[in-house]
């Protein structure tokens, strides 16, 4: 089967392996996330929760594979490499969502607590931006975070600015988590902004 999304992406410190039933160990996903030392903090601002059973991880992997087959989204498992602390350990997952009719992409990340503060969110974002604007030839990339999630907001601000993007504003009651409405901070990068920023960096 032809797929638009590569099996693997690499950055200076990370390897991103596609999450797919043919290649992903659901037990690795379950054990890593179920054993996170602070799940309440990790999942406080995201509309998912840690897997309660191995079967929930199996369903997560199968859903990711189905989305990839349909070209709606691709999910990658994040692994530190080289001399990074805990190299080779599953650090988290990240997803690129695609809306072909809008020529647009967005992304999400869940990073385990031991891997916070290393700049991995921005580094994997760089790889996803190259995928979105380079390989997939999309025109727009958007990303959001829940108001109050200051750590995520700072990380997004940093990589959006580095890639030529901008802060679009705060949308009230734009989403719901556990049945409660939340505000979202929205950021975006256009293809022309991205290319200008990366050309200048080169």
Protein backbone atom coordinates (compact mmCIF):
# COMPACT_ATOMS: atom_id res chain seq x y z
CA UNK A 1 0.00 0.00 0.00
CA UNK A 2 1.26 3.45 -0.93
CA UNK A 3 1.45 5.85 1.99
CA UNK A 4 2.04 9.58 1.97
CA UNK A 5 3.66 9.52 5.39
CA UNK A 6 7.20 8.16 5.91
CA UNK A 7 7.90 5.36 8.37
CA UNK A 8 10.53 7.38 10.20
CA UNK A 9 11.68 10.96 10.75
CA UNK A 10 14.98 11.95 12.34
CA UNK A 11 16.28 15.09 14.02
CA UNK A 12 19.54 15.87 15.78
CA UNK A 13 18.40 14.22 19.01
CA UNK A 14 15.24 12.31 18.18
CA UNK A 15 13.93 9.45 16.11
CA UNK A 16 10.25 9.42 15.26
CA UNK A 17 8.91 5.97 14.33
CA UNK A 18 5.47 5.66 12.78
CA UNK A 19 2.79 4.13 15.00
CA UNK A 20 1.25 1.34 12.99
CA UNK A 21 -0.04 -2.17 13.81
CA UNK A 22 2.57 -3.71 11.50
CA UNK A 23 5.54 -2.25 13.37
CA UNK A 24 4.46 -0.92 16.78
CA UNK A 25 4.47 -2.91 20.01
CA UNK A 26 1.28 -1.96 21.85
CA UNK A 27 2.73 -3.34 25.09
CA UNK A 28 5.64 -0.89 24.88
CA UNK A 29 3.15 1.96 24.60
CA UNK A 30 1.07 0.66 27.50
CA UNK A 31 4.00 0.04 29.84
CA UNK A 32 5.63 3.41 29.12
CA UNK A 33 2.53 5.54 29.62
CA UNK A 34 0.93 3.48 32.39
CA UNK A 35 4.15 3.75 34.40
CA UNK A 36 4.60 7.51 33.99
CA UNK A 37 5.39 8.95 37.43
CA UNK A 38 2.94 11.86 37.15
CA UNK A 39 0.06 11.04 34.77
CA UNK A 40 -2.26 13.69 36.20
CA UNK A 41 0.16 16.44 35.18
CA UNK A 42 0.93 14.88 31.79
CA UNK A 43 -2.73 14.60 30.82
CA UNK A 44 -4.08 17.69 32.58
CA UNK A 45 -4.50 19.75 29.42
CA UNK A 46 -5.06 17.10 26.73
CA UNK A 47 -8.34 15.37 25.77
CA UNK A 48 -6.93 11.86 26.30
CA UNK A 49 -5.83 9.87 29.33
CA UNK A 50 -3.19 7.27 30.08
CA UNK A 51 -4.02 3.75 28.86
CA UNK A 52 -5.78 1.78 31.59
CA UNK A 53 -5.20 -1.60 29.93
CA UNK A 54 -3.01 -3.09 27.19
CA UNK A 55 -6.15 -3.30 25.06
CA UNK A 56 -6.50 0.48 25.14
CA UNK A 57 -2.96 0.76 23.79
CA UNK A 58 -3.81 -1.81 21.10
CA UNK A 59 -6.81 0.29 20.09
CA UNK A 60 -4.63 3.42 20.02
CA UNK A 61 -2.12 1.73 17.70
CA UNK A 62 -4.83 0.36 15.41
CA UNK A 63 -6.57 3.73 15.21
CA UNK A 64 -3.29 5.42 14.33
CA UNK A 65 -2.70 2.89 11.58
CA UNK A 66 -6.20 3.38 10.19
CA UNK A 67 -5.78 7.15 10.11
CA UNK A 68 -2.48 6.76 8.29
CA UNK A 69 -4.03 4.42 5.72
CA UNK A 70 -6.80 6.96 5.12
CA UNK A 71 -4.22 9.79 4.85
CA UNK A 72 -6.05 11.75 7.55
CA UNK A 73 -3.22 11.76 10.10
CA UNK A 74 0.03 10.12 11.07
CA UNK A 75 1.25 9.37 14.59
CA UNK A 76 4.89 8.91 15.53
CA UNK A 77 6.50 7.45 18.64
CA UNK A 78 9.28 9.73 19.93
CA UNK A 79 12.63 8.25 20.99
CA UNK A 80 15.71 10.17 22.18
CA UNK A 81 18.87 9.05 20.39
CA UNK A 82 22.65 9.28 20.70
CA UNK A 83 23.94 10.54 24.02
CA UNK A 84 20.57 11.80 25.24
CA UNK A 85 19.53 10.61 28.72
CA UNK A 86 17.29 7.52 28.43
CA UNK A 87 18.13 7.16 24.74
CA UNK A 88 16.03 4.50 23.05
CA UNK A 89 13.19 4.85 25.56
CA UNK A 90 9.70 5.80 24.39
CA UNK A 91 9.37 9.47 25.36
CA UNK A 92 5.95 10.21 23.92
CA UNK A 93 3.84 10.36 20.79
CA UNK A 94 3.05 13.10 18.32
CA UNK A 95 0.41 13.32 15.61
CA UNK A 96 0.18 15.35 12.41
CA UNK A 97 -3.44 15.87 11.31
CA UNK A 98 -4.15 16.78 7.68
CA UNK A 99 -7.17 18.51 6.14
CA UNK A 100 -6.54 18.19 2.42
CA UNK A 101 -9.45 20.39 1.34
CA UNK A 102 -7.97 23.26 3.37
CA UNK A 103 -4.35 22.42 2.48
CA UNK A 104 -3.76 22.57 6.23
CA UNK A 105 -2.14 20.58 9.00
CA UNK A 106 -2.13 20.68 12.78
CA UNK A 107 -0.29 18.70 15.42
CA UNK A 108 -0.48 17.37 18.95
CA UNK A 109 2.02 15.85 21.36
CA UNK A 110 1.92 13.83 24.58
CA UNK A 111 5.32 13.75 26.25
CA UNK A 112 6.05 11.67 29.32
CA UNK A 113 7.06 13.66 32.41
CA UNK A 114 10.72 12.44 32.61
CA UNK A 115 11.34 14.00 29.18
CA UNK A 116 10.00 17.48 29.88
CA UNK A 117 12.29 20.48 29.73
CA UNK A 118 14.60 19.13 27.01
CA UNK A 119 13.20 21.02 24.03
CA UNK A 120 11.85 17.88 22.39
CA UNK A 121 8.49 19.44 21.55
CA UNK A 122 10.10 22.09 19.37
CA UNK A 123 12.50 19.63 17.79
CA UNK A 124 9.80 17.17 16.72
CA UNK A 125 7.71 20.15 15.54
CA UNK A 126 10.51 21.07 13.15
CA UNK A 127 10.36 17.58 11.66
CA UNK A 128 6.57 17.73 11.29
CA UNK A 129 6.74 21.16 9.67
CA UNK A 130 9.20 19.86 7.09
CA UNK A 131 6.85 16.94 6.45
CA UNK A 132 3.82 19.25 6.10
CA UNK A 133 5.38 21.93 3.92
CA UNK A 134 8.07 19.93 2.15
CA UNK A 135 6.79 16.44 1.42
CA UNK A 136 3.04 17.09 1.58
CA UNK A 137 3.12 20.59 0.02
CA UNK A 138 0.49 21.97 2.40
CA UNK A 139 -0.13 25.70 2.75
CA UNK A 140 -0.91 26.18 6.43
CA UNK A 141 0.07 24.74 9.82
CA UNK A 142 -1.89 25.48 12.97
CA UNK A 143 -1.32 24.51 16.57
CA UNK A 144 -3.11 25.28 19.80
CA UNK A 145 -2.86 24.78 23.54
CA UNK A 146 -5.32 25.11 26.39
CA UNK A 147 -5.27 28.45 28.19
CA UNK A 148 -3.45 27.91 31.47
CA UNK A 149 -0.99 25.40 30.03
CA UNK A 150 1.87 27.87 30.26
CA UNK A 151 4.62 25.31 29.67
CA UNK A 152 3.10 24.23 26.37
CA UNK A 153 2.39 27.81 25.35
CA UNK A 154 6.05 28.79 25.86
CA UNK A 155 7.25 25.81 23.83
CA UNK A 156 4.85 26.60 20.98
CA UNK A 157 5.73 30.29 20.98
CA UNK A 158 9.39 29.41 20.63
CA UNK A 159 9.13 27.08 17.65
CA UNK A 160 6.40 29.05 15.90
CA UNK A 161 8.52 32.21 16.06
CA UNK A 162 11.60 30.29 14.89
CA UNK A 163 9.69 29.12 11.81
CA UNK A 164 8.21 32.50 10.89
CA UNK A 165 4.73 32.03 12.32
CA UNK A 166 2.52 34.09 14.58
CA UNK A 167 0.09 34.09 17.50
CA UNK A 168 -3.48 34.32 16.21
CA UNK A 169 -5.30 34.87 19.48
CA UNK A 170 -7.37 33.26 22.20
CA UNK A 171 -10.56 31.46 21.24
CA UNK A 172 -13.10 31.23 24.03
CA UNK A 173 -14.83 27.93 24.74
CA UNK A 174 -13.15 26.47 21.66
CA UNK A 175 -12.81 22.96 23.05
CA UNK A 176 -13.93 20.74 25.91
CA UNK A 177 -11.94 18.49 28.24
CA UNK A 178 -13.82 16.06 30.47
CA UNK A 179 -17.04 17.85 29.58
CA UNK A 180 -15.76 21.27 30.60
CA UNK A 181 -15.30 24.08 28.03
CA UNK A 182 -11.81 25.53 27.74
CA UNK A 183 -10.21 28.43 25.89
CA UNK A 184 -7.47 27.77 23.35
CA UNK A 185 -4.43 29.81 22.32
CA UNK A 186 -3.99 29.51 18.54
CA UNK A 187 -0.81 29.87 16.52
CA UNK A 188 -0.16 29.41 12.81
CA UNK A 189 2.58 29.25 10.19
CA UNK A 190 2.03 29.65 6.45
CA UNK A 191 4.11 27.88 3.84
CA UNK A 192 5.61 31.18 2.66
CA UNK A 193 6.48 32.20 6.23
CA UNK A 194 8.08 28.82 6.86
CA UNK A 195 10.15 28.92 3.69
CA UNK A 196 11.32 32.47 4.34
CA UNK A 197 12.37 31.58 7.89
CA UNK A 198 14.14 28.36 6.96
CA UNK A 199 15.84 29.92 3.92
CA UNK A 200 17.18 32.68 6.19
CA UNK A 201 18.40 30.07 8.66
CA UNK A 202 20.31 28.31 5.89
